[in-house]
N, C-alpha and C. Protein backbone atom coordinates (compact mmCIF):
# COMPACT_ATOMS: atom_id res chain seq x y z
N MET A 1 0.85 -1.19 0.00
CA MET A 1 0.00 0.00 0.00
C MET A 1 0.89 1.24 0.00
N VAL A 2 0.46 2.24 -0.73
CA VAL A 2 1.20 3.50 -0.83
C VAL A 2 1.01 4.28 0.48
N ALA A 3 2.09 4.83 1.00
CA ALA A 3 2.05 5.50 2.30
C ALA A 3 1.11 6.70 2.33
N ASN A 4 1.03 7.44 1.23
CA ASN A 4 0.19 8.64 1.22
C ASN A 4 -1.24 8.37 0.75
N GLN A 5 -1.56 7.11 0.54
CA GLN A 5 -2.92 6.76 0.11
C GLN A 5 -3.89 6.97 1.27
N ILE A 6 -5.03 7.55 0.96
CA ILE A 6 -6.04 7.82 1.99
C ILE A 6 -6.79 6.53 2.28
N ASP A 7 -6.86 6.18 3.56
CA ASP A 7 -7.63 5.00 3.92
C ASP A 7 -9.10 5.35 3.95
N ILE A 8 -9.90 4.46 3.43
CA ILE A 8 -11.35 4.65 3.42
C ILE A 8 -11.90 4.02 4.69
N ILE A 9 -12.67 4.78 5.44
CA ILE A 9 -13.29 4.29 6.67
C ILE A 9 -14.73 3.88 6.33
N PRO A 10 -15.01 2.57 6.33
CA PRO A 10 -16.37 2.14 5.99
C PRO A 10 -17.36 2.42 7.12
N ASP A 11 -18.61 2.64 6.74
CA ASP A 11 -19.69 2.84 7.71
C ASP A 11 -20.27 1.50 8.16
N ALA A 12 -20.07 0.47 7.34
CA ALA A 12 -20.56 -0.88 7.67
C ALA A 12 -19.67 -1.88 6.95
N GLU A 13 -19.67 -3.11 7.44
CA GLU A 13 -18.86 -4.17 6.83
C GLU A 13 -19.69 -5.43 6.71
N VAL A 14 -19.38 -6.21 5.67
CA VAL A 14 -20.02 -7.52 5.53
C VAL A 14 -18.91 -8.53 5.19
N ASP A 15 -18.92 -9.64 5.92
CA ASP A 15 -17.91 -10.68 5.76
C ASP A 15 -18.52 -11.84 4.99
N CYS A 16 -18.06 -12.02 3.76
CA CYS A 16 -18.57 -13.10 2.90
C CYS A 16 -17.52 -14.18 2.69
N VAL A 17 -16.46 -14.16 3.51
CA VAL A 17 -15.39 -15.15 3.38
C VAL A 17 -15.96 -16.54 3.65
N GLY A 18 -15.66 -17.46 2.74
CA GLY A 18 -16.15 -18.83 2.88
C GLY A 18 -17.50 -19.05 2.23
N LEU A 19 -18.11 -17.98 1.71
CA LEU A 19 -19.43 -18.09 1.07
C LEU A 19 -19.26 -18.04 -0.44
N TYR A 20 -20.13 -18.75 -1.12
CA TYR A 20 -20.04 -18.81 -2.57
C TYR A 20 -21.31 -18.29 -3.22
N CYS A 21 -21.18 -17.95 -4.50
CA CYS A 21 -22.28 -17.41 -5.28
C CYS A 21 -23.56 -18.21 -5.02
N PRO A 22 -24.67 -17.53 -4.75
CA PRO A 22 -24.91 -16.09 -4.86
C PRO A 22 -24.83 -15.34 -3.53
N MET A 23 -24.31 -15.96 -2.47
CA MET A 23 -24.34 -15.34 -1.15
C MET A 23 -23.60 -14.00 -1.05
N PRO A 24 -22.38 -13.84 -1.60
CA PRO A 24 -21.73 -12.52 -1.49
C PRO A 24 -22.58 -11.39 -2.05
N ILE A 25 -23.22 -11.61 -3.19
CA ILE A 25 -24.09 -10.58 -3.79
C ILE A 25 -25.32 -10.35 -2.92
N ALA A 26 -25.94 -11.43 -2.47
CA ALA A 26 -27.16 -11.32 -1.66
C ALA A 26 -26.88 -10.54 -0.37
N LEU A 27 -25.78 -10.85 0.30
CA LEU A 27 -25.44 -10.16 1.55
C LEU A 27 -25.03 -8.71 1.30
N THR A 28 -24.31 -8.47 0.21
CA THR A 28 -23.91 -7.10 -0.13
C THR A 28 -25.15 -6.24 -0.39
N LYS A 29 -26.09 -6.78 -1.16
CA LYS A 29 -27.33 -6.06 -1.47
C LYS A 29 -28.11 -5.77 -0.19
N GLU A 30 -28.21 -6.77 0.68
CA GLU A 30 -28.94 -6.62 1.95
C GLU A 30 -28.30 -5.55 2.83
N GLU A 31 -26.97 -5.58 2.94
CA GLU A 31 -26.26 -4.64 3.81
C GLU A 31 -26.28 -3.22 3.26
N ILE A 32 -26.16 -3.06 1.94
CA ILE A 32 -26.10 -1.70 1.38
C ILE A 32 -27.44 -1.00 1.59
N GLU A 33 -28.52 -1.77 1.67
CA GLU A 33 -29.84 -1.17 1.89
C GLU A 33 -30.01 -0.70 3.34
N LYS A 34 -29.12 -1.12 4.24
CA LYS A 34 -29.20 -0.73 5.65
C LYS A 34 -28.45 0.57 5.94
N ILE A 35 -27.56 0.98 5.02
CA ILE A 35 -26.80 2.21 5.26
C ILE A 35 -27.42 3.36 4.48
N GLN A 36 -26.99 4.57 4.82
CA GLN A 36 -27.53 5.77 4.18
C GLN A 36 -26.83 6.03 2.85
N ILE A 37 -27.50 6.77 1.98
CA ILE A 37 -26.89 7.20 0.72
C ILE A 37 -25.64 8.00 1.05
N GLY A 38 -24.55 7.70 0.35
CA GLY A 38 -23.27 8.37 0.58
C GLY A 38 -22.37 7.64 1.56
N GLN A 39 -22.92 6.68 2.29
CA GLN A 39 -22.10 5.89 3.20
C GLN A 39 -21.39 4.77 2.45
N ILE A 40 -20.42 4.17 3.12
CA ILE A 40 -19.56 3.18 2.46
C ILE A 40 -19.67 1.83 3.15
N LEU A 41 -19.80 0.79 2.32
CA LEU A 41 -19.86 -0.59 2.78
C LEU A 41 -18.58 -1.29 2.37
N LYS A 42 -17.94 -1.94 3.34
CA LYS A 42 -16.75 -2.75 3.05
C LYS A 42 -17.22 -4.20 2.94
N VAL A 43 -16.84 -4.85 1.85
CA VAL A 43 -17.20 -6.24 1.62
C VAL A 43 -15.92 -7.05 1.46
N GLU A 44 -15.81 -8.13 2.23
CA GLU A 44 -14.68 -9.06 2.09
C GLU A 44 -15.23 -10.40 1.62
N ALA A 45 -14.59 -10.95 0.59
CA ALA A 45 -15.02 -12.24 0.04
C ALA A 45 -13.80 -13.00 -0.45
N ASP A 46 -13.94 -14.32 -0.57
CA ASP A 46 -12.84 -15.11 -1.13
C ASP A 46 -13.31 -16.02 -2.27
N ASP A 47 -14.55 -15.83 -2.69
CA ASP A 47 -15.05 -16.55 -3.86
C ASP A 47 -14.52 -15.84 -5.10
N PRO A 48 -13.71 -16.52 -5.93
CA PRO A 48 -13.15 -15.86 -7.12
C PRO A 48 -14.22 -15.22 -8.01
N ALA A 49 -15.41 -15.79 -8.06
CA ALA A 49 -16.48 -15.23 -8.89
C ALA A 49 -16.99 -13.90 -8.34
N ALA A 50 -16.77 -13.64 -7.06
CA ALA A 50 -17.29 -12.42 -6.43
C ALA A 50 -16.69 -11.16 -7.06
N GLU A 51 -15.45 -11.23 -7.52
CA GLU A 51 -14.83 -10.02 -8.11
C GLU A 51 -15.67 -9.50 -9.26
N GLU A 52 -15.96 -10.36 -10.23
CA GLU A 52 -16.75 -9.95 -11.38
C GLU A 52 -18.21 -9.70 -10.98
N ASP A 53 -18.76 -10.57 -10.14
CA ASP A 53 -20.16 -10.46 -9.75
C ASP A 53 -20.46 -9.14 -9.05
N ILE A 54 -19.63 -8.78 -8.08
CA ILE A 54 -19.89 -7.56 -7.30
C ILE A 54 -19.65 -6.31 -8.15
N LYS A 55 -18.62 -6.34 -8.99
CA LYS A 55 -18.37 -5.20 -9.88
C LYS A 55 -19.56 -5.00 -10.83
N ARG A 56 -20.07 -6.09 -11.38
CA ARG A 56 -21.21 -6.02 -12.30
C ARG A 56 -22.46 -5.56 -11.56
N TRP A 57 -22.67 -6.09 -10.36
CA TRP A 57 -23.84 -5.70 -9.55
C TRP A 57 -23.81 -4.21 -9.23
N ALA A 58 -22.64 -3.70 -8.83
CA ALA A 58 -22.52 -2.27 -8.48
C ALA A 58 -22.84 -1.40 -9.69
N LYS A 59 -22.32 -1.78 -10.84
CA LYS A 59 -22.57 -1.00 -12.07
C LYS A 59 -24.07 -1.02 -12.40
N ARG A 60 -24.69 -2.18 -12.30
CA ARG A 60 -26.10 -2.35 -12.66
C ARG A 60 -27.02 -1.59 -11.70
N THR A 61 -26.64 -1.55 -10.41
CA THR A 61 -27.50 -0.91 -9.41
C THR A 61 -27.15 0.55 -9.16
N GLY A 62 -26.06 1.03 -9.78
CA GLY A 62 -25.71 2.45 -9.67
C GLY A 62 -24.90 2.81 -8.45
N HIS A 63 -24.32 1.82 -7.76
CA HIS A 63 -23.44 2.12 -6.62
C HIS A 63 -22.00 2.20 -7.12
N GLU A 64 -21.17 2.88 -6.37
CA GLU A 64 -19.80 3.15 -6.83
C GLU A 64 -18.79 2.35 -6.02
N ILE A 65 -17.94 1.60 -6.72
CA ILE A 65 -16.84 0.91 -6.04
C ILE A 65 -15.70 1.92 -5.94
N LEU A 66 -15.44 2.38 -4.72
CA LEU A 66 -14.41 3.40 -4.49
C LEU A 66 -13.03 2.78 -4.56
N LYS A 67 -12.94 1.53 -4.10
CA LYS A 67 -11.64 0.89 -4.01
C LYS A 67 -11.85 -0.62 -4.06
N PHE A 68 -10.94 -1.32 -4.73
CA PHE A 68 -10.95 -2.77 -4.78
C PHE A 68 -9.54 -3.26 -4.53
N GLU A 69 -9.39 -4.19 -3.60
CA GLU A 69 -8.06 -4.73 -3.28
C GLU A 69 -8.11 -6.24 -3.32
N LYS A 70 -6.97 -6.81 -3.68
CA LYS A 70 -6.80 -8.27 -3.65
C LYS A 70 -5.61 -8.55 -2.75
N GLU A 71 -5.83 -9.37 -1.73
CA GLU A 71 -4.73 -9.79 -0.86
C GLU A 71 -4.73 -11.31 -0.86
N GLY A 72 -3.93 -11.90 -1.75
CA GLY A 72 -3.96 -13.34 -1.91
C GLY A 72 -5.31 -13.74 -2.48
N THR A 73 -6.05 -14.58 -1.76
CA THR A 73 -7.38 -14.99 -2.24
C THR A 73 -8.48 -14.07 -1.72
N LEU A 74 -8.12 -13.13 -0.83
CA LEU A 74 -9.12 -12.23 -0.24
C LEU A 74 -9.40 -11.05 -1.17
N LEU A 75 -10.68 -10.82 -1.42
CA LEU A 75 -11.13 -9.68 -2.23
C LEU A 75 -11.78 -8.68 -1.29
N ILE A 76 -11.39 -7.41 -1.40
CA ILE A 76 -11.94 -6.38 -0.53
C ILE A 76 -12.50 -5.25 -1.40
N PHE A 77 -13.78 -4.98 -1.19
CA PHE A 77 -14.47 -3.93 -1.94
C PHE A 77 -14.90 -2.84 -0.98
N TYR A 78 -14.78 -1.58 -1.41
CA TYR A 78 -15.36 -0.45 -0.68
C TYR A 78 -16.40 0.15 -1.61
N ILE A 79 -17.66 -0.02 -1.25
CA ILE A 79 -18.76 0.38 -2.13
C ILE A 79 -19.53 1.53 -1.52
N LYS A 80 -19.67 2.61 -2.28
CA LYS A 80 -20.42 3.78 -1.81
C LYS A 80 -21.85 3.66 -2.29
N ARG A 81 -22.79 3.78 -1.34
CA ARG A 81 -24.20 3.74 -1.70
C ARG A 81 -24.56 5.05 -2.39
N MET A 82 -25.08 4.95 -3.60
CA MET A 82 -25.35 6.14 -4.41
C MET A 82 -26.83 6.50 -4.48
N LYS A 83 -27.71 5.55 -4.13
CA LYS A 83 -29.14 5.88 -4.22
C LYS A 83 -29.94 5.02 -3.26
């Protein structure tokens, strides 16, 4: 990680590690509806399909992925609720 990079502080988190399609999407959708517009949801998953699935879901639903990280098999998304 770059030293001067701004860390994003999520308003809520959802842990999808160990869960497989369609659970990461289902839990992400459920959790994003619990936070306010403009707030940020952190999602952690290790299902390889989740990378494409969550990116596609965010685009389709109009939410913004502020940051995406891969740490080994762990996928970390920071999603801003837009509507």
